[in-house]
Amino acid sequence: MTEAEIIEKYTRVVKTTLGLWVQAMVIKEPLTDSPEITWKGVGRMLPVRALPENVELARQSALKDRRFFKICPQCQEARPPSLIHNGSSCVDCLGVPSNLQQQ
């Protein structure tokens, strides 16, 4: 998966009246039939009129936030920590299907 695909899948930008909020997906029990997905704010809120490049930079920097992402030792790609099984491989490397639906 490319970095752009990871960003698209596991982060989002929410527009509020106060600004743009970059959020990261937090997954509880990812291997169940209905994993619980919540979104948590990452970093500072961006101004409502932030340039698209600045929004993209904020989403990229979210991948470096260890609270929300860890690097899979096998594929070296960022994933939410709950998707890295026993700290050794992510569910994608293990070929385990996940039922993640963005909400």
Protein backbone atom coordinates (compact mmCIF):
# COMPACT_ATOMS: atom_id res chain seq x y z
CA MET A 1 0.00 0.00 0.00
CA THR A 2 1.39 3.44 -0.84
CA GLU A 3 1.70 6.20 1.75
CA ALA A 4 -1.11 8.09 -0.02
CA GLU A 5 -3.38 5.03 0.29
CA ILE A 6 -2.52 4.65 3.98
CA ILE A 7 -3.28 8.33 4.58
CA GLU A 8 -6.56 8.05 2.69
CA LYS A 9 -7.63 4.92 4.56
CA TYR A 10 -6.58 5.77 8.12
CA THR A 11 -6.88 9.57 8.35
CA ARG A 12 -9.53 12.11 7.51
CA VAL A 13 -10.08 15.87 7.63
CA VAL A 14 -13.16 17.25 9.33
CA LYS A 15 -14.20 20.82 8.60
CA THR A 16 -15.73 22.75 11.48
CA THR A 17 -16.61 26.40 11.91
CA LEU A 18 -13.34 26.80 13.85
CA GLY A 19 -11.05 25.12 11.34
CA LEU A 20 -9.89 21.86 9.77
CA TRP A 21 -9.22 18.96 12.09
CA VAL A 22 -6.96 16.10 10.97
CA GLN A 23 -8.11 12.89 12.61
CA ALA A 24 -6.66 9.39 12.82
CA MET A 25 -8.66 6.17 12.87
CA VAL A 26 -8.57 4.30 16.18
CA ILE A 27 -9.73 0.69 15.97
CA LYS A 28 -10.82 -1.50 18.86
CA GLU A 29 -11.06 -5.25 18.26
CA PRO A 30 -10.10 -5.02 14.56
CA LEU A 31 -10.46 -8.74 13.83
CA THR A 32 -14.06 -9.09 14.96
CA ASP A 33 -17.06 -8.98 12.65
CA SER A 34 -17.84 -5.43 13.74
CA PRO A 35 -14.74 -3.56 14.92
CA GLU A 36 -15.34 -0.33 16.82
CA ILE A 37 -13.91 2.63 14.91
CA THR A 38 -13.47 6.05 16.45
CA TRP A 39 -11.58 9.11 15.22
CA LYS A 40 -9.14 11.14 17.32
CA GLY A 41 -7.71 14.56 16.53
CA VAL A 42 -4.02 14.69 15.63
CA GLY A 43 -1.97 17.83 16.17
CA ARG A 44 -3.37 21.33 16.02
CA MET A 45 -6.47 22.45 14.22
CA LEU A 46 -5.69 24.09 10.89
CA PRO A 47 -7.31 27.35 9.77
CA VAL A 48 -10.50 27.00 7.73
CA ARG A 49 -8.68 28.46 4.71
CA ALA A 50 -5.57 26.30 5.04
CA LEU A 51 -3.90 25.54 1.75
CA PRO A 52 -4.46 21.98 0.45
CA GLU A 53 -0.70 21.39 0.63
CA ASN A 54 -0.70 22.24 4.34
CA VAL A 55 -3.62 19.91 4.97
CA GLU A 56 -1.79 17.11 3.15
CA LEU A 57 1.38 17.79 5.17
CA ALA A 58 -0.65 17.56 8.38
CA ARG A 59 -2.11 14.20 7.26
CA GLN A 60 1.38 12.93 6.41
CA SER A 61 2.75 14.03 9.77
CA ALA A 62 -0.09 12.14 11.48
CA LEU A 63 1.55 8.91 10.30
CA LYS A 64 4.56 9.78 12.48
CA ASP A 65 2.47 10.20 15.63
CA ARG A 66 3.23 7.09 17.71
CA ARG A 67 -0.07 7.40 19.59
CA PHE A 68 -1.94 6.58 16.41
CA PHE A 69 0.48 4.75 14.11
CA LYS A 70 3.25 2.20 14.38
CA ILE A 71 5.53 0.81 11.69
CA CYS A 72 4.98 -2.82 10.78
CA PRO A 73 8.34 -4.58 11.23
CA GLN A 74 7.69 -6.75 8.18
CA CYS A 75 6.44 -4.35 5.46
CA GLN A 76 7.75 -1.12 7.06
CA GLU A 77 4.41 0.65 6.50
CA ALA A 78 2.48 2.71 9.06
CA ARG A 79 -0.62 1.11 10.55
CA PRO A 80 -2.85 1.79 13.55
CA PRO A 81 -1.25 -0.07 16.49
CA SER A 82 -4.21 -2.44 16.89
CA LEU A 83 -3.57 -3.75 13.35
CA ILE A 84 -0.06 -4.94 14.21
CA HIS A 85 -0.41 -8.44 15.64
CA ASN A 86 1.90 -9.19 18.60
CA GLY A 87 4.24 -6.43 17.42
CA SER A 88 5.54 -8.63 14.63
CA SER A 89 3.34 -8.15 11.54
CA CYS A 90 0.35 -6.12 10.45
CA VAL A 91 -2.88 -7.82 9.45
CA ASP A 92 -2.12 -7.08 5.79
CA CYS A 93 1.21 -8.95 5.98
CA LEU A 94 -0.51 -11.83 7.75
CA GLY A 95 -3.25 -11.90 5.11
CA VAL A 96 -5.94 -11.56 7.75
CA PRO A 97 -9.11 -9.92 6.43
CA SER A 98 -10.44 -6.98 8.43
CA ASN A 99 -13.94 -5.55 8.35
CA LEU A 100 -12.97 -1.90 8.54
CA GLN A 101 -15.62 0.43 7.22
CA GLN A 102 -14.90 4.16 7.46
CA GLN A 103 -17.62 5.91 9.39
